[in-house]
Protein backbone atom coordinates (compact mmCIF):
# COMPACT_ATOMS: atom_id res chain seq x y z
CA MET A 1 -85.95 232.82 262.73
CA ARG A 2 -85.65 231.53 259.13
CA THR A 3 -85.70 227.77 258.61
CA ALA A 4 -85.30 225.48 255.63
CA ASN A 5 -87.68 223.07 254.14
CA TRP A 6 -85.87 219.78 253.93
CA LYS A 7 -86.91 216.18 253.14
CA ASP A 8 -83.55 214.41 253.03
CA TYR A 9 -82.23 216.22 256.21
CA GLU A 10 -83.81 216.20 259.62
CA LEU A 11 -82.70 217.41 262.99
CA LEU A 12 -84.25 214.73 265.11
CA ASP A 13 -83.29 215.75 268.65
CA THR A 14 -80.87 217.89 270.66
CA SER A 15 -79.44 217.35 274.14
CA ALA A 16 -76.31 217.60 276.26
CA GLY A 17 -74.22 219.40 273.73
CA GLU A 18 -75.15 217.11 270.80
CA ARG A 19 -77.39 216.93 267.70
CA LEU A 20 -79.02 213.81 266.49
CA GLU A 21 -79.39 214.28 262.72
CA ARG A 22 -80.68 212.28 259.78
CA TRP A 23 -78.89 212.90 256.47
CA GLY A 24 -80.82 210.82 253.98
CA ASP A 25 -80.56 207.30 255.37
CA ILE A 26 -77.38 208.03 257.49
CA VAL A 27 -77.98 209.09 261.18
CA LEU A 28 -75.12 210.98 262.86
CA ILE A 29 -74.51 212.44 266.28
CA ARG A 30 -72.39 215.66 266.36
CA PRO A 31 -71.36 218.12 269.06
CA ASP A 32 -72.84 221.60 269.18
CA PRO A 33 -71.77 223.93 272.03
CA GLN A 34 -75.03 225.93 271.79
CA ILE A 35 -76.97 222.98 273.12
CA ILE A 36 -76.64 223.68 276.84
CA TRP A 37 -79.79 221.81 277.87
CA ASN A 38 -79.80 218.26 279.17
CA THR A 39 -83.15 217.02 278.18
CA PRO A 40 -83.98 213.25 278.04
CA LYS A 41 -82.65 211.50 274.96
CA ALA A 42 -85.95 209.78 274.26
CA HIS A 43 -85.44 209.31 270.50
CA PRO A 44 -84.62 205.71 269.73
CA LEU A 45 -82.03 206.66 267.17
CA TRP A 46 -79.75 208.15 269.88
CA ASN A 47 -78.82 204.45 270.55
CA SER A 48 -78.59 203.33 266.87
CA ALA A 49 -76.84 206.07 264.92
CA HIS A 50 -74.28 205.27 262.20
CA ALA A 51 -71.62 207.47 263.57
CA HIS A 52 -70.76 209.62 266.53
CA TYR A 53 -68.31 212.50 266.40
CA GLN A 54 -66.47 212.75 269.73
CA ARG A 55 -64.17 215.61 270.76
CA SER A 56 -60.79 215.01 272.11
CA SER A 57 -59.76 216.53 275.51
CA THR A 58 -56.56 217.69 273.65
CA GLY A 59 -58.57 219.46 270.90
CA GLY A 60 -60.15 218.25 267.72
CA GLY A 61 -61.89 214.92 267.72
CA SER A 62 -62.73 211.95 265.56
CA TRP A 63 -65.67 209.96 264.15
CA GLN A 64 -66.60 206.66 265.91
CA GLU A 65 -68.46 204.47 263.46
CA LEU A 66 -71.17 202.42 265.13
CA LYS A 67 -72.53 201.06 261.79
CA LYS A 68 -71.04 200.99 258.29
CA VAL A 69 -71.00 204.54 256.88
CA PRO A 70 -70.37 204.84 253.05
CA PRO A 71 -67.21 206.83 252.11
CA MET A 72 -69.69 209.16 250.29
CA TRP A 73 -73.45 209.26 250.01
CA LYS A 74 -75.96 211.66 248.38
CA ILE A 75 -78.87 213.82 249.53
CA ARG A 76 -81.22 216.13 247.61
CA TYR A 77 -82.68 219.54 248.24
CA GLY A 78 -85.30 220.17 245.65
CA GLU A 79 -83.50 219.69 242.31
CA LEU A 80 -80.10 219.93 243.78
CA THR A 81 -77.93 216.89 244.77
CA PHE A 82 -75.08 217.00 247.27
CA GLN A 83 -72.40 214.41 247.98
CA LEU A 84 -71.67 214.00 251.68
CA LYS A 85 -68.94 212.41 253.78
CA THR A 86 -67.91 212.41 257.40
CA MET A 87 -65.09 214.96 257.54
CA GLY A 88 -62.66 216.05 260.13
CA PHE A 89 -63.93 218.63 262.66
CA LYS A 90 -67.46 217.11 262.57
CA HIS A 91 -68.61 218.33 259.22
CA THR A 92 -70.38 216.59 256.37
CA GLY A 93 -69.95 219.00 253.46
CA ILE A 94 -72.97 221.26 253.65
CA PHE A 95 -74.75 223.40 256.17
CA PRO A 96 -78.42 222.54 255.87
CA GLU A 97 -79.63 225.71 257.50
CA GLN A 98 -78.33 227.64 254.64
CA ALA A 99 -81.08 226.31 252.33
CA VAL A 100 -83.25 229.30 253.17
CA ASN A 101 -80.63 231.44 251.50
CA TRP A 102 -80.41 229.18 248.51
CA ASP A 103 -84.12 229.58 248.08
CA PHE A 104 -83.89 233.28 248.41
CA ALA A 105 -81.19 233.61 245.81
CA MET A 106 -83.10 231.28 243.41
CA LYS A 107 -86.24 233.25 243.77
CA LYS A 108 -84.56 236.61 243.22
CA ILE A 109 -82.73 235.33 240.11
CA THR A 110 -85.75 233.82 238.62
CA GLU A 111 -87.94 236.79 239.16
CA ALA A 112 -85.34 239.20 237.74
CA ASN A 113 -85.76 237.53 234.32
CA ARG A 114 -82.50 238.98 232.95
CA PRO A 115 -78.92 237.74 232.52
CA LEU A 116 -77.10 237.85 235.92
CA LYS A 117 -73.69 237.24 237.22
CA VAL A 118 -73.25 236.04 240.83
CA LEU A 119 -70.05 235.91 242.85
CA ASN A 120 -69.89 233.17 245.65
CA LEU A 121 -66.95 234.03 248.00
CA PHE A 122 -65.79 231.34 250.42
CA GLY A 123 -67.91 229.00 248.30
CA TYR A 124 -67.04 225.78 250.18
CA THR A 125 -68.70 222.71 248.52
CA GLY A 126 -70.80 224.85 246.25
CA ALA A 127 -74.43 224.56 247.51
CA ALA A 128 -75.11 228.31 246.89
CA THR A 129 -73.34 228.20 243.63
CA LEU A 130 -75.58 225.30 242.37
CA ALA A 131 -78.70 227.13 243.52
CA CYS A 132 -77.71 230.22 241.47
CA LEU A 133 -76.81 228.10 238.45
CA LYS A 134 -80.09 226.17 238.64
CA ALA A 135 -82.02 229.48 238.67
CA GLY A 136 -80.19 230.60 235.45
CA ALA A 137 -77.38 232.85 236.72
CA GLN A 138 -73.69 232.76 235.71
CA VAL A 139 -71.53 232.06 238.81
CA CYS A 140 -67.95 232.65 239.91
CA HIS A 141 -67.16 230.34 242.75
CA VAL A 142 -64.08 231.17 244.83
CA ASP A 143 -62.61 229.15 247.67
CA ALA A 144 -59.03 228.86 249.14
CA SER A 145 -59.18 225.12 249.35
CA LYS A 146 -58.49 223.14 246.23
CA GLY A 147 -60.23 220.11 247.81
CA MET A 148 -63.41 222.12 248.46
CA VAL A 149 -63.48 223.49 244.87
CA ALA A 150 -63.03 219.89 243.56
CA TRP A 151 -65.91 218.71 245.75
CA ALA A 152 -68.08 221.64 244.52
CA LYS A 153 -67.56 220.49 240.90
CA GLU A 154 -68.57 217.03 241.85
CA ASN A 155 -71.82 218.38 243.44
CA ALA A 156 -72.40 220.27 240.25
CA ALA A 157 -72.09 217.12 238.16
CA ALA A 158 -74.34 215.20 240.53
CA SER A 159 -76.90 217.91 240.07
CA GLY A 160 -76.68 217.81 236.32
CA LEU A 161 -75.09 221.33 236.23
CA GLU A 162 -71.58 220.46 234.94
CA SER A 163 -72.18 222.26 231.75
CA SER A 164 -73.56 225.35 233.35
CA PRO A 165 -71.75 228.79 233.13
CA VAL A 166 -69.50 228.72 236.14
CA ARG A 167 -65.86 229.62 237.01
CA TRP A 168 -64.29 227.39 239.62
CA LEU A 169 -61.36 229.33 241.22
CA VAL A 170 -58.96 228.31 243.99
CA ASP A 171 -57.92 231.60 245.30
CA ASP A 172 -57.66 233.96 248.36
CA CYS A 173 -60.99 235.88 248.37
CA VAL A 174 -59.57 239.12 249.40
CA LYS A 175 -56.88 239.12 246.68
CA PHE A 176 -59.42 237.91 244.12
CA VAL A 177 -61.75 240.89 244.77
CA GLN A 178 -58.88 243.23 244.60
CA ARG A 179 -58.05 241.80 241.12
CA GLU A 180 -61.66 242.06 239.97
CA GLN A 181 -61.60 245.74 240.84
CA ARG A 182 -58.61 246.30 238.72
CA ARG A 183 -60.09 244.30 235.87
CA GLY A 184 -63.43 246.26 236.05
CA ASN A 185 -65.46 243.01 236.44
CA THR A 186 -68.84 243.46 238.20
CA TYR A 187 -71.61 241.14 239.59
CA ASP A 188 -75.32 241.47 240.07
CA GLY A 189 -75.27 239.39 243.28
CA ILE A 190 -72.65 238.50 245.88
CA ILE A 191 -72.83 235.76 248.44
CA MET A 192 -70.24 235.75 251.17
CA ASP A 193 -69.93 233.02 253.86
CA PRO A 194 -66.60 233.81 255.51
CA PRO A 195 -65.02 231.70 258.29
CA SER A 196 -64.25 233.06 261.63
CA TYR A 197 -60.58 232.18 261.12
CA GLY A 198 -58.76 230.72 258.14
CA ARG A 199 -55.79 230.79 255.82
CA GLY A 200 -55.61 231.38 252.07
CA PRO A 201 -53.73 229.13 249.58
CA GLY A 202 -50.57 231.28 250.07
CA GLY A 203 -50.74 231.19 253.93
CA GLU A 204 -52.72 234.47 254.16
CA VAL A 205 -54.45 234.79 257.56
CA TRP A 206 -58.05 235.59 257.79
CA LYS A 207 -59.66 236.94 260.95
CA LEU A 208 -63.44 237.80 260.52
CA GLU A 209 -63.79 240.65 263.03
CA GLU A 210 -60.76 242.45 261.55
CA GLN A 211 -61.29 241.86 257.87
CA LEU A 212 -65.04 241.59 257.30
CA TYR A 213 -65.75 245.34 257.03
CA PRO A 214 -62.85 246.03 254.65
CA LEU A 215 -63.86 243.02 252.43
CA VAL A 216 -67.41 244.11 252.12
CA GLU A 217 -66.27 247.63 251.40
CA MET A 218 -64.04 246.19 248.73
CA CYS A 219 -66.98 244.43 247.15
CA VAL A 220 -68.92 247.58 246.54
CA PRO A 221 -67.08 248.59 243.45
CA ILE A 222 -67.53 245.19 241.87
CA LEU A 223 -71.32 245.33 242.14
CA SER A 224 -73.02 246.19 238.85
CA GLU A 225 -75.07 249.37 238.27
CA HIS A 226 -78.30 247.55 239.12
CA PRO A 227 -77.33 244.82 241.59
CA LEU A 228 -79.92 242.40 242.86
CA PHE A 229 -78.68 241.15 246.21
CA PHE A 230 -75.88 240.80 248.74
CA ILE A 231 -76.04 237.83 251.15
CA LEU A 232 -73.71 237.83 254.19
CA ASN A 233 -73.49 234.85 256.54
CA SER A 234 -71.71 234.32 259.79
CA TYR A 235 -71.16 231.61 262.39
CA THR A 236 -69.12 233.85 264.69
CA THR A 237 -71.13 234.15 268.01
CA GLY A 238 -69.87 237.71 268.69
CA LEU A 239 -71.15 239.01 265.34
CA SER A 240 -74.94 239.57 265.72
CA PRO A 241 -77.38 239.72 262.84
CA ALA A 242 -78.08 243.35 263.62
CA VAL A 243 -74.31 244.26 263.32
CA MET A 244 -74.14 242.61 259.89
CA GLU A 245 -77.39 244.34 258.82
CA TYR A 246 -75.84 247.69 259.92
CA LEU A 247 -72.63 246.98 257.96
CA LEU A 248 -74.69 246.30 254.75
CA GLY A 249 -76.79 249.29 255.38
CA VAL A 250 -73.83 251.73 255.62
CA LEU A 251 -71.87 250.22 252.73
CA ILE A 252 -74.43 248.97 250.23
CA GLN A 253 -77.87 250.39 251.03
CA LYS A 254 -76.34 253.85 251.18
CA LYS A 255 -75.13 253.58 247.65
CA PHE A 256 -77.80 251.55 245.97
CA GLY A 257 -80.95 252.10 248.01
CA GLY A 258 -83.10 249.00 248.38
CA ARG A 259 -83.51 247.38 251.78
CA VAL A 260 -81.48 245.47 254.33
CA SER A 261 -82.63 242.73 256.85
CA SER A 262 -81.17 240.26 259.12
CA ASP A 263 -82.09 237.23 261.19
CA GLU A 264 -80.89 234.08 262.85
CA ILE A 265 -81.13 231.05 260.64
CA GLY A 266 -81.98 227.76 262.30
CA LEU A 267 -83.35 224.22 261.97
CA PRO A 268 -86.51 222.87 263.34
CA VAL A 269 -86.03 220.09 265.88
CA THR A 270 -88.47 217.29 265.33
CA GLY A 271 -88.40 216.02 268.94
CA SER A 272 -89.21 219.35 270.60
CA GLY A 273 -90.94 221.41 267.91
CA LEU A 274 -88.54 224.25 268.52
CA VAL A 275 -85.88 225.77 266.34
CA LEU A 276 -82.12 225.55 266.97
CA PRO A 277 -80.24 228.70 265.98
CA CYS A 278 -77.41 227.87 263.66
CA GLY A 279 -76.00 231.19 262.58
CA SER A 280 -76.76 234.65 261.35
CA THR A 281 -77.60 236.14 257.90
CA ALA A 282 -77.91 239.76 256.74
CA ILE A 283 -79.27 240.52 253.30
CA TRP A 284 -79.36 243.56 251.09
CA GLU A 285 -81.80 243.37 248.26
CA SER A 286 -82.59 245.99 245.59
CA LYS A 287 -86.28 246.03 246.34
């Protein structure tokens, strides 16, 4: 289990299908279907959170503000700054468990000590993009949502990276990779955090189980002659870390050598001392 080293984020407690979390100075309660235990809610902040996301019996849900929540607030991870807000479907704008992958990418880029180009597919609000920029890489950030790309740009500015070498693209990831093949563009690192289900800007339907293998296969020709890493993330419960590791093994390790590994990623829970699993990551690295 790989966990991140946060100061501005803390998973305080978990019980009865919910997380109690501190995001800087803001405390939120959010649902999590993995939390099937009903342990005592002893932490006092269960009763004094700023907002509580409550699911609707008809689907979806909404935030109930118990205290004043700013329209947007900032937290930091190392030298990176992220702007957060309470969004629909319980999100805040970052996935804190992914910080272990930001650290990995930054370390690999720094140690390589050469010019590098990184492609961040399904880039969301840009946390991985900022990490790679901070480490000195050029980055191409692709996401189908115009709003998410705009938010990523705001995060770059908040982190002092607005002048860094980055391309911000609103595009369907599959179509973009196909075009990069035709153009002969290559990348030294690829980060891919695909949703379980989604739609592209032109209404293209994405289903992870059906399209993940073809997309990774499609990415192989756009890796450079001496690529550094390939990071694949998933929150789909039916896709185990070992399955993703096998996929990278047959598609990327077979061609470039190196090694593949996989693991659950998670967040330490202050109240119990245990780690809450939050998704899976498989990584290919050149050495």
